[in-house]
Protein backbone atom coordinates (compact mmCIF):
# COMPACT_ATOMS: atom_id res chain seq x y z
CA MET A 1 146.58 75.73 41.64
CA MET A 2 147.75 77.46 44.66
CA ARG A 3 145.41 77.02 47.75
CA ILE A 4 146.40 79.24 50.73
CA GLN A 5 144.08 78.96 53.78
CA ALA A 6 143.84 80.40 57.31
CA ASN A 7 142.31 78.63 60.30
CA ILE A 8 140.63 81.15 62.61
CA TYR A 9 139.99 81.18 66.11
CA ALA A 10 137.91 83.01 68.42
CA ASP A 11 139.91 84.00 71.59
CA CYS A 12 136.91 83.58 73.82
CA HIS A 13 136.39 80.00 72.66
CA GLU A 14 140.32 78.76 72.54
CA LYS A 15 140.08 76.51 75.51
CA LEU A 16 136.48 75.24 74.95
CA ARG A 17 136.82 71.40 74.60
CA GLY A 18 136.36 70.32 70.87
CA TYR A 19 136.41 73.82 69.54
CA GLN A 20 138.12 73.71 66.01
CA GLY A 21 137.76 77.31 64.93
CA ALA A 22 137.03 77.94 61.16
CA MET A 23 138.85 77.10 58.05
CA LEU A 24 138.92 79.86 55.08
CA GLU A 25 140.45 79.75 51.77
CA LEU A 26 142.01 82.89 50.60
CA PRO A 27 141.66 85.12 49.08
CA ALA A 28 138.33 85.32 50.06
CA THR A 29 135.27 87.76 49.40
CA PRO A 30 133.85 89.89 52.11
CA TYR A 31 130.92 87.70 52.40
CA GLU A 32 133.05 84.54 52.68
CA ILE A 33 135.01 86.51 55.39
CA SER A 34 131.90 87.23 57.38
CA ASP A 35 130.76 83.46 56.94
CA ALA A 36 133.94 82.18 58.40
CA LEU A 37 134.00 84.70 61.34
CA GLN A 38 130.51 83.15 62.21
CA ARG A 39 131.46 79.58 61.91
CA ALA A 40 134.52 80.38 64.23
CA ARG A 41 131.86 82.11 66.58
CA VAL A 42 133.84 85.19 66.79
CA PRO A 43 131.42 87.68 68.62
CA GLU A 44 131.07 90.92 66.93
CA GLY A 45 134.13 93.17 68.13
CA GLY A 46 135.96 90.00 69.70
CA GLY A 47 139.40 88.96 69.43
CA TYR A 48 140.51 86.17 67.06
CA THR A 49 143.93 84.40 66.26
CA LEU A 50 144.82 83.17 62.61
CA GLU A 51 146.80 80.18 61.75
CA SER A 52 148.15 80.42 58.10
CA THR A 53 148.30 77.22 56.00
CA GLY A 54 148.39 75.85 52.34
CA ASP A 55 150.63 76.75 49.50
CA TRP A 56 152.51 80.06 50.71
CA PRO A 57 156.08 80.23 48.89
CA ASP A 58 158.63 79.24 51.08
CA PHE A 59 160.02 82.64 51.80
CA LEU A 60 156.62 83.92 52.90
CA TRP A 61 156.12 80.74 55.34
CA THR A 62 159.39 82.27 57.11
CA ALA A 63 158.24 85.98 56.81
CA LEU A 64 154.72 84.96 58.39
CA SER A 65 156.13 82.64 61.16
CA ASN A 66 158.01 85.82 62.31
CA VAL A 67 155.04 87.67 62.94
CA SER A 68 152.72 85.22 64.34
CA PRO A 69 150.45 85.01 66.06
CA LEU A 70 148.41 86.66 63.26
CA SER A 71 145.80 88.69 65.59
CA GLY A 72 144.35 92.13 65.99
CA GLU A 73 141.34 93.82 64.35
CA ASN A 74 142.65 93.91 60.82
CA ALA A 75 144.40 90.56 60.86
CA LEU A 76 142.18 88.50 58.72
CA GLU A 77 141.61 91.42 56.01
CA GLU A 78 145.48 91.85 55.88
CA LEU A 79 146.24 88.02 55.36
CA ASN A 80 143.67 88.24 52.84
CA LEU A 81 145.29 91.19 50.84
CA LEU A 82 148.77 89.56 50.90
CA ALA A 83 147.06 86.01 49.82
CA ASP A 84 145.10 88.09 46.85
CA ALA A 85 148.58 89.76 45.99
CA VAL A 86 150.38 86.32 45.97
CA SER A 87 147.69 84.60 44.10
CA ARG A 88 148.17 86.61 41.06
CA MET A 89 151.80 86.62 40.86
CA ASP A 90 153.85 85.00 38.20
CA GLU A 91 157.35 83.42 38.65
CA ILE A 92 159.12 86.51 38.14
CA GLN A 93 156.90 88.59 40.42
CA THR A 94 157.40 85.86 42.97
CA GLY A 95 161.29 86.03 42.42
CA THR A 96 160.92 89.72 42.77
CA PHE A 97 158.93 89.75 45.84
CA GLU A 98 161.08 87.40 47.66
CA GLY A 99 164.29 89.53 46.92
CA ALA A 100 162.31 92.52 48.24
CA VAL A 101 161.67 90.81 51.41
CA GLN A 102 165.18 89.72 51.81
CA LEU A 103 166.53 93.35 50.99
CA HIS A 104 164.23 94.59 53.64
CA LEU A 105 165.48 92.16 56.25
CA GLU A 106 169.11 93.23 55.37
CA GLU A 107 168.56 97.16 55.32
CA THR A 108 166.52 97.15 58.58
CA GLY A 109 167.67 93.91 60.55
CA LYS A 110 164.15 93.24 60.74
CA ASN A 111 161.59 90.63 59.65
CA PRO A 112 158.69 92.84 57.72
CA THR A 113 155.58 92.87 59.54
CA LEU A 114 152.41 92.12 57.72
CA LYS A 115 151.88 95.57 56.82
CA GLU A 116 155.08 95.69 55.59
CA LEU A 117 154.52 92.63 53.15
CA ILE A 118 151.57 93.96 51.88
CA ASN A 119 153.08 97.27 50.98
CA ILE A 120 156.15 95.49 49.49
CA SER A 121 154.02 93.12 47.19
CA ALA A 122 151.92 96.29 46.00
CA CYS A 123 155.25 98.13 44.61
CA LEU A 124 156.87 95.32 42.81
CA ASP A 125 157.71 97.59 39.81
CA ASP A 126 160.04 99.64 41.96
CA TYR A 127 162.57 96.57 41.87
CA GLU A 128 164.72 95.21 39.21
CA PHE A 129 165.17 91.48 39.47
CA HIS A 130 167.71 89.30 37.72
CA PRO A 131 166.77 85.63 37.80
CA GLY A 132 169.18 82.76 38.37
CA VAL A 133 171.72 85.36 39.80
CA THR A 134 172.12 84.29 43.52
CA ASN A 135 175.77 84.90 44.55
CA ASP A 136 178.34 87.29 43.77
CA LEU A 137 180.23 84.97 41.31
CA SER A 138 177.20 84.88 39.09
CA LEU A 139 176.42 88.56 39.42
CA GLY A 140 180.17 89.28 38.41
CA ARG A 141 179.77 87.28 35.50
CA ALA A 142 176.57 88.74 34.58
CA CYS A 143 177.77 92.15 35.00
CA MET A 144 181.02 91.44 32.62
CA GLU A 145 178.82 89.98 29.99
CA GLY A 146 176.25 92.48 30.06
CA GLY A 147 177.77 95.88 31.16
CA MET A 148 175.91 96.22 34.42
CA LEU A 149 178.51 98.16 36.09
CA ASP A 150 179.97 101.61 34.42
CA LEU A 151 183.59 101.08 35.80
CA VAL A 152 183.96 97.54 34.31
CA GLU A 153 182.35 98.72 30.89
CA SER A 154 184.88 101.55 30.75
CA LEU A 155 187.82 99.25 31.08
CA PRO A 156 189.84 97.86 28.04
CA ASP A 157 189.02 94.06 27.41
CA GLU A 158 192.61 92.82 28.17
CA VAL A 159 192.20 94.51 31.60
CA ALA A 160 188.63 93.48 32.28
CA ALA A 161 189.64 89.79 31.80
CA LEU A 162 191.73 90.11 34.68
CA LEU A 163 189.24 91.07 37.10
CA ASP A 164 187.67 88.81 39.41
CA PRO A 165 184.07 88.15 38.85
CA ALA A 166 183.11 87.51 42.30
CA LYS A 167 184.61 90.80 43.32
CA VAL A 168 183.11 92.53 40.62
CA GLY A 169 179.74 91.12 41.76
CA LYS A 170 180.40 92.16 45.30
CA ALA A 171 180.98 95.56 44.12
CA LEU A 172 178.10 95.76 41.95
CA ARG A 173 175.70 94.71 44.89
CA HIS A 174 177.07 97.13 47.26
CA SER A 175 176.61 100.05 44.63
CA ASP A 176 173.06 98.85 44.10
CA HIS A 177 172.41 97.86 47.96
CA GLY A 178 171.14 95.02 46.47
CA ALA A 179 170.35 91.30 47.98
CA PHE A 180 170.35 87.91 46.71
CA ALA A 181 167.34 85.46 47.25
CA SER A 182 166.96 81.74 46.26
CA ARG A 183 165.35 82.88 42.93
CA GLY A 184 167.74 85.75 41.83
CA TYR A 185 169.19 89.11 42.67
CA VAL A 186 166.97 92.14 43.43
CA TYR A 187 167.81 95.91 43.77
CA ARG A 188 165.74 99.06 43.81
CA GLY A 189 165.27 100.65 40.64
CA VAL A 190 165.31 104.28 40.17
CA SER A 191 161.82 105.67 40.66
CA ALA A 192 160.00 108.37 42.64
CA ALA A 193 159.04 107.31 46.24
CA ARG A 194 155.90 105.49 46.17
CA GLN A 195 153.06 106.19 49.05
CA ASP A 196 152.11 103.26 51.07
CA PHE A 197 149.41 101.11 49.55
CA TYR A 198 148.31 100.05 53.21
CA ASP A 199 148.21 102.59 56.06
CA GLY A 200 148.00 99.69 58.52
CA GLU A 201 144.43 100.89 59.55
CA HIS A 202 141.91 100.70 56.67
CA PRO A 203 142.56 97.72 54.73
CA PRO A 204 141.99 98.54 50.97
CA ALA A 205 139.25 96.48 49.13
CA CYS A 206 140.13 93.11 47.82
CA GLY A 207 138.82 91.39 44.64
CA GLU A 208 135.26 92.08 43.43
CA HIS A 209 132.68 93.63 45.96
CA HIS A 210 128.96 93.04 45.32
CA LYS A 211 126.35 94.66 46.95
CA GLY A 212 123.74 92.01 46.30
CA LEU A 213 122.51 89.06 48.57
CA LEU A 214 122.71 87.35 45.40
CA SER A 215 124.83 88.70 42.61
CA LEU A 216 124.68 86.89 39.39
CA ARG A 217 126.68 87.68 36.20
CA ILE A 218 124.40 87.15 33.42
CA GLU A 219 125.30 86.46 29.73
CA LYS A 220 123.91 85.38 26.49
CA LEU A 221 123.23 81.63 25.85
CA ASP A 222 125.59 81.88 22.85
CA ALA A 223 128.15 84.34 24.48
CA PRO A 224 131.86 83.57 22.96
CA ASP A 225 133.66 85.68 25.73
CA ALA A 226 134.24 83.64 29.03
CA ASP A 227 134.06 86.93 31.05
CA SER A 228 131.33 88.72 29.07
CA GLY A 229 127.71 89.60 30.68
CA VAL A 230 126.70 92.10 33.41
CA TRP A 231 126.27 91.66 36.86
CA LEU A 232 122.78 91.77 38.36
CA GLU A 233 122.54 92.60 42.25
CA LEU A 234 119.77 90.98 43.83
CA PRO A 235 117.17 91.72 45.09
CA ALA A 236 116.41 94.14 42.26
CA ASP A 237 113.46 96.16 41.01
CA GLU A 238 112.00 95.87 37.38
CA LYS A 239 114.35 98.89 36.30
CA ALA A 240 117.43 96.93 37.43
CA LEU A 241 116.27 93.85 35.70
CA GLY A 242 115.38 95.71 32.64
CA TRP A 243 118.82 97.40 32.56
CA ALA A 244 120.64 94.02 32.77
CA LEU A 245 118.78 92.82 29.76
CA LEU A 246 119.46 95.77 27.88
CA SER A 247 123.16 95.53 28.89
CA VAL A 248 123.50 91.77 27.32
CA GLY A 249 121.22 92.65 24.31
CA GLU A 250 118.34 90.27 25.27
CA LYS A 251 114.81 90.96 25.79
CA THR A 252 114.12 87.95 28.24
CA PHE A 253 116.05 86.14 30.72
CA ASP A 254 115.10 82.80 28.89
CA THR A 255 117.75 83.50 26.48
CA CYS A 256 120.37 84.20 29.03
CA ARG A 257 122.21 82.12 31.40
CA ILE A 258 124.08 82.59 34.93
CA ALA A 259 127.76 82.31 34.36
CA GLU A 260 128.80 83.16 37.82
CA ALA A 261 127.33 83.60 41.26
CA LYS A 262 128.19 85.26 44.38
CA SER A 263 126.18 85.27 47.66
CA ILE A 264 125.98 86.15 51.40
CA ILE A 265 125.20 82.39 51.79
CA PRO A 266 128.27 80.60 50.56
CA ALA A 267 126.48 77.23 49.38
CA PHE A 268 124.36 79.41 46.69
CA GLN A 269 127.60 80.31 44.86
CA TYR A 270 128.35 77.05 43.52
CA GLN A 271 124.87 75.81 42.69
CA LEU A 272 123.07 78.78 41.37
CA ALA A 273 124.29 78.65 37.72
CA GLY A 274 123.02 77.85 34.33
CA ASP A 275 119.17 78.07 33.69
CA GLU A 276 117.85 78.89 36.89
CA ASP A 277 114.77 81.22 37.27
CA ILE A 278 115.75 84.85 37.51
CA GLY A 279 112.25 85.63 39.19
CA LYS A 280 112.66 82.95 41.45
CA LEU A 281 116.26 84.05 42.50
CA ASN A 282 115.10 87.34 42.69
CA LYS A 283 112.09 86.27 45.37
CA LEU A 284 115.07 84.26 47.06
CA ALA A 285 117.15 87.45 47.66
CA LYS A 286 114.10 89.33 48.96
CA ARG A 287 113.43 86.70 51.48
CA LEU A 288 117.17 86.77 52.55
CA GLN A 289 116.96 90.86 52.89
CA LYS A 290 113.81 90.32 55.08
CA LEU A 291 115.75 87.87 57.26
CA GLN A 292 118.80 90.24 57.38
CA GLN A 293 116.33 92.99 58.55
CA GLU A 294 114.98 90.80 61.60
CA MET A 295 116.73 91.48 64.73
CA PRO A 296 119.44 90.33 65.13
CA GLY A 297 120.07 89.80 61.14
CA ASP A 298 123.27 87.92 61.46
CA LEU A 299 121.68 85.43 63.53
CA MET A 300 119.01 84.66 61.61
CA LEU A 301 121.17 84.22 58.40
CA MET A 302 123.26 81.96 60.54
CA LYS A 303 119.97 79.81 61.23
CA TYR A 304 119.21 79.77 57.57
CA LYS A 305 122.57 78.40 57.05
CA ALA A 306 122.13 75.92 59.66
CA VAL A 307 118.83 74.68 58.04
CA LEU A 308 120.13 74.62 54.74
CA GLU A 309 122.55 72.01 56.35
CA LEU A 310 119.90 70.14 58.48
CA GLU A 311 117.56 69.89 55.38
CA GLN A 312 120.66 69.05 52.83
CA TYR A 313 119.55 71.65 50.58
CA SER A 314 119.52 70.46 47.07
CA ASP A 315 117.71 73.23 44.76
CA LEU A 316 116.17 76.79 44.59
CA ASP A 317 112.65 75.60 45.56
CA MET A 318 113.86 74.05 48.72
CA ALA A 319 116.04 77.26 49.56
CA LEU A 320 112.91 79.54 48.89
CA ASP A 321 110.59 77.49 51.34
CA ILE A 322 113.20 77.27 53.93
CA ALA A 323 113.60 81.08 53.87
CA ALA A 324 110.05 81.20 54.52
CA ASN A 325 109.81 78.91 57.14
CA LEU A 326 112.56 79.51 59.65
CA GLY A 327 110.21 79.63 62.49
CA CYS A 328 109.46 75.91 62.22
CA TYR A 329 113.04 75.33 63.58
CA ASP A 330 114.79 75.61 66.92
CA PHE A 331 118.53 76.85 66.65
CA SER A 332 120.94 77.00 69.31
CA PRO A 333 124.27 78.78 68.01
CA ASP A 334 125.91 78.50 71.46
CA VAL A 335 126.49 74.86 70.82
CA LEU A 336 130.07 75.20 69.64
CA SER A 337 131.05 71.50 69.42
CA PRO A 338 129.41 68.03 70.37
CA ASP A 339 132.42 67.90 72.80
CA ALA A 340 131.55 71.17 74.65
CA TYR A 341 127.83 70.17 74.70
CA GLY A 342 128.39 66.91 76.47
CA GLU A 343 130.91 68.83 79.08
CA TYR A 344 128.14 71.40 79.50
CA VAL A 345 125.65 69.12 80.53
CA LEU A 346 127.73 67.15 82.87
CA GLN A 347 128.75 70.31 84.73
CA SER A 348 125.22 71.56 84.75
CA ALA A 349 124.44 68.43 86.79
CA GLY A 350 127.07 69.42 89.07
CA ILE A 351 129.70 66.98 88.08
CA ASP A 352 133.30 67.89 87.97
CA THR A 353 134.53 67.03 84.45
CA GLY A 354 138.26 68.00 85.56
CA ASP A 355 138.47 64.93 87.64
CA PRO A 356 141.13 62.54 86.64
CA ALA A 357 138.24 60.06 86.24
CA PHE A 358 137.22 61.73 82.91
CA SER A 359 140.99 61.97 81.28
CA CYS A 360 139.67 59.06 78.96
CA PHE A 361 135.97 60.42 78.69
CA ASP A 362 134.36 60.36 75.27
CA PHE A 363 132.87 63.87 75.54
CA ARG A 364 132.20 63.73 71.67
CA GLY A 365 130.56 60.62 71.58
CA TYR A 366 128.42 61.82 74.60
CA GLY A 367 127.68 65.08 73.26
CA GLU A 368 126.57 63.65 69.98
CA ARG A 369 124.10 60.95 71.55
CA LEU A 370 122.67 63.90 73.48
CA LEU A 371 121.94 66.02 70.64
CA GLU A 372 120.77 63.01 68.61
CA GLY A 373 118.33 62.16 71.50
CA ALA A 374 117.03 65.82 71.51
CA GLY A 375 116.53 65.66 67.76
CA TYR A 376 119.30 68.16 67.08
CA VAL A 377 121.99 67.95 64.41
CA PHE A 378 125.14 69.83 64.81
CA THR A 379 126.21 72.21 62.07
CA PRO A 380 129.19 74.61 61.69
CA TYR A 381 126.67 77.41 62.65
CA GLY A 382 125.16 75.68 65.85
CA ALA A 383 122.87 72.78 66.75
CA VAL A 384 119.52 72.96 64.65
CA THR A 385 116.30 70.92 64.79
CA ARG A 386 112.70 70.84 63.33
CA GLY A 387 110.21 72.19 65.76
CA GLY A 388 106.56 71.10 66.09
CA GLN A 389 105.28 74.20 63.82
CA GLU A 390 104.13 72.75 60.53
CA CYS A 391 105.85 74.40 57.46
CA VAL A 392 104.00 75.81 54.71
CA HIS A 393 105.33 74.37 51.39
CA GLU A 394 105.04 76.80 48.78
CA TYR A 395 107.35 75.60 45.96
CA THR A 396 108.29 71.99 47.49
CA GLU A 397 105.91 68.94 48.14
CA GLN A 398 106.05 67.51 51.41
CA GLU A 399 107.15 63.97 51.71
CA GLN A 400 104.49 61.39 52.66
CA GLU A 401 106.79 60.24 55.46
CA SER A 402 106.52 62.34 58.53
CA GLY A 403 109.52 64.27 59.97
CA GLN A 404 110.87 64.68 56.42
CA GLY A 405 111.00 68.68 56.55
CA MET A 406 111.48 70.29 53.38
CA ALA A 407 112.69 67.52 51.40
CA MET A 408 110.95 67.32 47.89
CA GLU A 409 109.54 63.95 46.59
CA GLN A 410 111.82 62.32 44.28
C-alpha cells in the first residue's frame, strides 16, 4: 500500500535544539492535519515548511524537488490534495499523469508548480495515453499498425512499407504536440477547455469531512456490505440518535456495531470500534465539546491528548474520566523537546550554552532527567504531570497504589 508522508517544521522553532517537527501520513483528514500542526507547534497563522517523504512516484519526486521548499499558507492542504489524487490512481492514470507533467515541461520550459500539479491530476481525462510507447520508433510502429496518422492510413500498403517508423513517430508526435514519459506516450485529446480545479487560494475539500468531534459509521451486526451503514456525528441529541437507528433499520444500538470511527482526537480513530457503548461515546463527545469551548480551546484539547499519553489511555472509561479531570494535571505546551528544555534551564542560570565546552554536552539526557525529576513526562504535545488535586473517578477505579492516576485495576 502506498504511504506518502510529510514532515512539518514550524519556522519559529526551526533552530531550536532537538526540535523535530511532526510527521503526517497523507492523504489526511482536516482533524489529522490540525493535530499534526499542533504536534509541530505551528502557532496560529504562523509559517511552516514541509518536507515530502514516502512512496511518491519517481516523476513526482523530481517535480516536488523543483518546487521545494514547500511552504506557504496552503502548502499542507495543497500537498494533501495531490497525495489524495495520487493515492486513488491506477497504473494507467499514473502513466497519464507522468506524461502530462512532461508535456507541461516541454510546452512551457518550466517545471509545474504545486498548484499546476494539482490541476493536471484533476483533468487526466483530457489526455490520451499509450502505455509502453516511449520513443519515436515505437510510436511510429504503433501508428503504422493502428492507423493513428491519417496520412499513413491513406497510403498504399507498398508505399507505407517503405516508410521509416521513427520518422513517422516523430511526425505524429509533432502533429499531436505529444510527449514521451517512462511509462508511455501522452497527448491532449479533443475536449473543451476545462476550468482549473484549484485556484491557488482556496483548496477544495479533500476526502470525507465530518462535523462530529466523534464520528461513527454505524451498521447492523449482520450487515453484508462493507460500506453499509450511516455516519453518526457526536455529540448528538435524541433526534439524531433516533434518525441513525432508523437509517440502519434497527430499534436499538445493541444490535448495531461501529464499523469505522473518525475523531478530533487521533487516538480514538483506531480504538473506538465494535460494540462500544454509544451512550458513553456521546457523553465523551459532549465532554470534548466542553473542553473545546474553554479558552483557549485548542490548548485544552492538546492538554487532553497529552494526558491520554501520560496515562497510557486504554479504554473508553478512562477517556471519559480523563476528560472530566484535566484540572488534576499540569501541562507545559512550551516544552518542545527535552534538549531544548535542558538548554533553557542552563541559559536561565546565566550559562552560555554556545561555549565550545558544550559541543559534546548531552542536552537531551540532561533535559530528560530534569523533567523526570519534576515529575513531568514529555509527549508530542508538551510536558505533562499529575498535579496535587485528587481526581474524581466516575467510570474507572483508582489503583490502590498512590500516584497511579486514571489507571484501572486489572
